[in-house]
Amino acid sequence: MLHDWEAESPGVIERLNADTPLRRAADPDEIAQAAAWLLSDRASYVTGTVLRVDGGMLA
């Protein structure tokens, strides 16, 4: 989907990366690891919070 957007609006990926403190898009595994942690027993005491997995974009 993002590559289609880039094809229609050249430079959009570069602009998005520039707005992210880590200067790159997330690897799908990075997002999956956060979801897996929330589903695990290790997060059993986590309630009522927003876990931002955004590379610091909204920090």
N, C-alpha and C. Protein backbone atom coordinates (compact mmCIF):
# COMPACT_ATOMS: atom_id res chain seq x y z
N MET A 1 0.83 -1.17 0.00
CA MET A 1 0.00 0.00 0.00
C MET A 1 0.89 1.26 0.00
N LEU A 2 1.90 1.25 0.81
CA LEU A 2 2.78 2.41 0.89
C LEU A 2 3.53 2.62 -0.43
N HIS A 3 3.91 1.53 -1.07
CA HIS A 3 4.61 1.65 -2.35
C HIS A 3 3.69 2.21 -3.43
N ASP A 4 2.40 1.86 -3.38
CA ASP A 4 1.43 2.45 -4.31
C ASP A 4 1.31 3.95 -4.08
N TRP A 5 1.29 4.34 -2.80
CA TRP A 5 1.21 5.76 -2.45
C TRP A 5 2.45 6.49 -2.96
N GLU A 6 3.62 5.86 -2.81
CA GLU A 6 4.87 6.45 -3.30
C GLU A 6 4.83 6.62 -4.82
N ALA A 7 4.26 5.64 -5.51
CA ALA A 7 4.17 5.73 -6.97
C ALA A 7 3.29 6.91 -7.40
N GLU A 8 2.25 7.16 -6.63
CA GLU A 8 1.33 8.26 -6.95
C GLU A 8 1.86 9.61 -6.48
N SER A 9 2.64 9.59 -5.39
CA SER A 9 3.19 10.83 -4.81
C SER A 9 4.68 10.62 -4.51
N PRO A 10 5.51 10.71 -5.53
CA PRO A 10 6.95 10.47 -5.32
C PRO A 10 7.51 11.32 -4.19
N GLY A 11 8.31 10.68 -3.34
CA GLY A 11 8.94 11.37 -2.21
C GLY A 11 8.19 11.23 -0.90
N VAL A 12 7.00 10.64 -0.92
CA VAL A 12 6.20 10.55 0.30
C VAL A 12 6.90 9.70 1.37
N ILE A 13 7.54 8.62 0.97
CA ILE A 13 8.23 7.77 1.95
C ILE A 13 9.39 8.55 2.58
N GLU A 14 10.13 9.27 1.77
CA GLU A 14 11.24 10.07 2.29
C GLU A 14 10.74 11.13 3.28
N ARG A 15 9.61 11.76 2.97
CA ARG A 15 9.05 12.78 3.88
C ARG A 15 8.57 12.14 5.18
N LEU A 16 7.92 10.98 5.09
CA LEU A 16 7.48 10.30 6.31
C LEU A 16 8.66 9.91 7.18
N ASN A 17 9.70 9.38 6.56
CA ASN A 17 10.89 8.99 7.32
C ASN A 17 11.56 10.20 7.96
N ALA A 18 11.55 11.33 7.29
CA ALA A 18 12.15 12.55 7.83
C ALA A 18 11.40 13.04 9.06
N ASP A 19 10.11 12.76 9.14
CA ASP A 19 9.29 13.18 10.29
C ASP A 19 9.36 12.22 11.46
N THR A 20 10.03 11.09 11.28
CA THR A 20 10.14 10.08 12.33
C THR A 20 11.52 10.18 12.97
N PRO A 21 11.62 10.32 14.30
CA PRO A 21 12.93 10.44 14.94
C PRO A 21 13.91 9.32 14.59
N LEU A 22 13.44 8.12 14.35
CA LEU A 22 14.35 7.04 13.99
C LEU A 22 14.73 7.07 12.52
N ARG A 23 14.12 7.97 11.75
CA ARG A 23 14.42 8.20 10.34
C ARG A 23 14.23 6.97 9.45
N ARG A 24 13.30 6.11 9.83
CA ARG A 24 13.02 4.93 9.01
C ARG A 24 11.64 4.41 9.36
N ALA A 25 11.10 3.60 8.48
CA ALA A 25 9.83 2.94 8.74
C ALA A 25 10.09 1.71 9.61
N ALA A 26 9.08 1.29 10.30
CA ALA A 26 9.18 0.08 11.13
C ALA A 26 9.27 -1.15 10.26
N ASP A 27 10.02 -2.10 10.74
CA ASP A 27 10.02 -3.42 10.15
C ASP A 27 8.76 -4.11 10.66
N PRO A 28 8.04 -4.84 9.83
CA PRO A 28 6.82 -5.51 10.31
C PRO A 28 7.04 -6.34 11.56
N ASP A 29 8.23 -6.93 11.71
CA ASP A 29 8.53 -7.73 12.90
C ASP A 29 8.55 -6.86 14.16
N GLU A 30 8.95 -5.60 14.04
CA GLU A 30 8.96 -4.71 15.20
C GLU A 30 7.55 -4.47 15.72
N ILE A 31 6.60 -4.33 14.82
CA ILE A 31 5.20 -4.16 15.21
C ILE A 31 4.67 -5.46 15.80
N ALA A 32 5.00 -6.57 15.16
CA ALA A 32 4.54 -7.88 15.63
C ALA A 32 5.08 -8.19 17.03
N GLN A 33 6.31 -7.81 17.30
CA GLN A 33 6.89 -8.07 18.63
C GLN A 33 6.14 -7.32 19.72
N ALA A 34 5.73 -6.09 19.43
CA ALA A 34 4.96 -5.32 20.41
C ALA A 34 3.61 -5.98 20.67
N ALA A 35 2.95 -6.42 19.60
CA ALA A 35 1.66 -7.11 19.75
C ALA A 35 1.83 -8.42 20.50
N ALA A 36 2.88 -9.16 20.18
CA ALA A 36 3.13 -10.44 20.86
C ALA A 36 3.38 -10.22 22.35
N TRP A 37 4.10 -9.16 22.69
CA TRP A 37 4.34 -8.87 24.10
C TRP A 37 3.03 -8.57 24.83
N LEU A 38 2.17 -7.77 24.21
CA LEU A 38 0.89 -7.45 24.84
C LEU A 38 0.03 -8.70 25.04
N LEU A 39 0.17 -9.67 24.16
CA LEU A 39 -0.60 -10.91 24.26
C LEU A 39 0.04 -11.93 25.20
N SER A 40 1.24 -11.63 25.66
CA SER A 40 1.97 -12.60 26.48
C SER A 40 1.68 -12.41 27.97
N ASP A 41 2.10 -13.37 28.75
CA ASP A 41 1.98 -13.28 30.21
C ASP A 41 2.85 -12.16 30.78
N ARG A 42 3.87 -11.77 30.05
CA ARG A 42 4.76 -10.70 30.52
C ARG A 42 4.04 -9.35 30.61
N ALA A 43 2.93 -9.20 29.92
CA ALA A 43 2.16 -7.96 29.97
C ALA A 43 0.88 -8.14 30.78
N SER A 44 0.84 -9.14 31.63
CA SER A 44 -0.39 -9.46 32.36
C SER A 44 -0.86 -8.35 33.30
N TYR A 45 0.02 -7.45 33.71
CA TYR A 45 -0.37 -6.38 34.62
C TYR A 45 -0.54 -5.05 33.91
N VAL A 46 -0.47 -5.06 32.61
CA VAL A 46 -0.63 -3.84 31.81
C VAL A 46 -2.11 -3.64 31.51
N THR A 47 -2.63 -2.48 31.92
CA THR A 47 -4.02 -2.15 31.65
C THR A 47 -4.14 -0.66 31.32
N GLY A 48 -5.12 -0.33 30.52
CA GLY A 48 -5.49 1.06 30.28
C GLY A 48 -4.38 1.97 29.81
N THR A 49 -3.58 1.54 28.88
CA THR A 49 -2.52 2.39 28.36
C THR A 49 -2.45 2.27 26.85
N VAL A 50 -1.84 3.26 26.25
CA VAL A 50 -1.60 3.23 24.81
C VAL A 50 -0.12 2.92 24.61
N LEU A 51 0.16 1.85 23.92
CA LEU A 51 1.53 1.49 23.62
C LEU A 51 1.84 1.99 22.21
N ARG A 52 2.59 3.05 22.14
CA ARG A 52 2.92 3.64 20.83
C ARG A 52 4.13 2.91 20.26
N VAL A 53 3.94 2.36 19.10
CA VAL A 53 5.02 1.70 18.38
C VAL A 53 5.18 2.50 17.10
N ASP A 54 5.76 3.69 17.24
CA ASP A 54 5.78 4.65 16.13
C ASP A 54 7.15 5.27 15.87
N GLY A 55 8.20 4.67 16.42
CA GLY A 55 9.54 5.19 16.18
C GLY A 55 9.77 6.57 16.78
N GLY A 56 8.95 6.94 17.74
CA GLY A 56 9.10 8.24 18.40
C GLY A 56 8.35 9.37 17.71
N MET A 57 7.55 9.05 16.72
CA MET A 57 6.86 10.09 15.94
C MET A 57 5.95 10.97 16.81
N LEU A 58 5.29 10.40 17.78
CA LEU A 58 4.38 11.18 18.64
C LEU A 58 4.98 11.46 20.02
N ALA A 59 6.27 11.26 20.15
CA ALA A 59 6.93 11.45 21.45
C ALA A 59 7.00 12.93 21.80
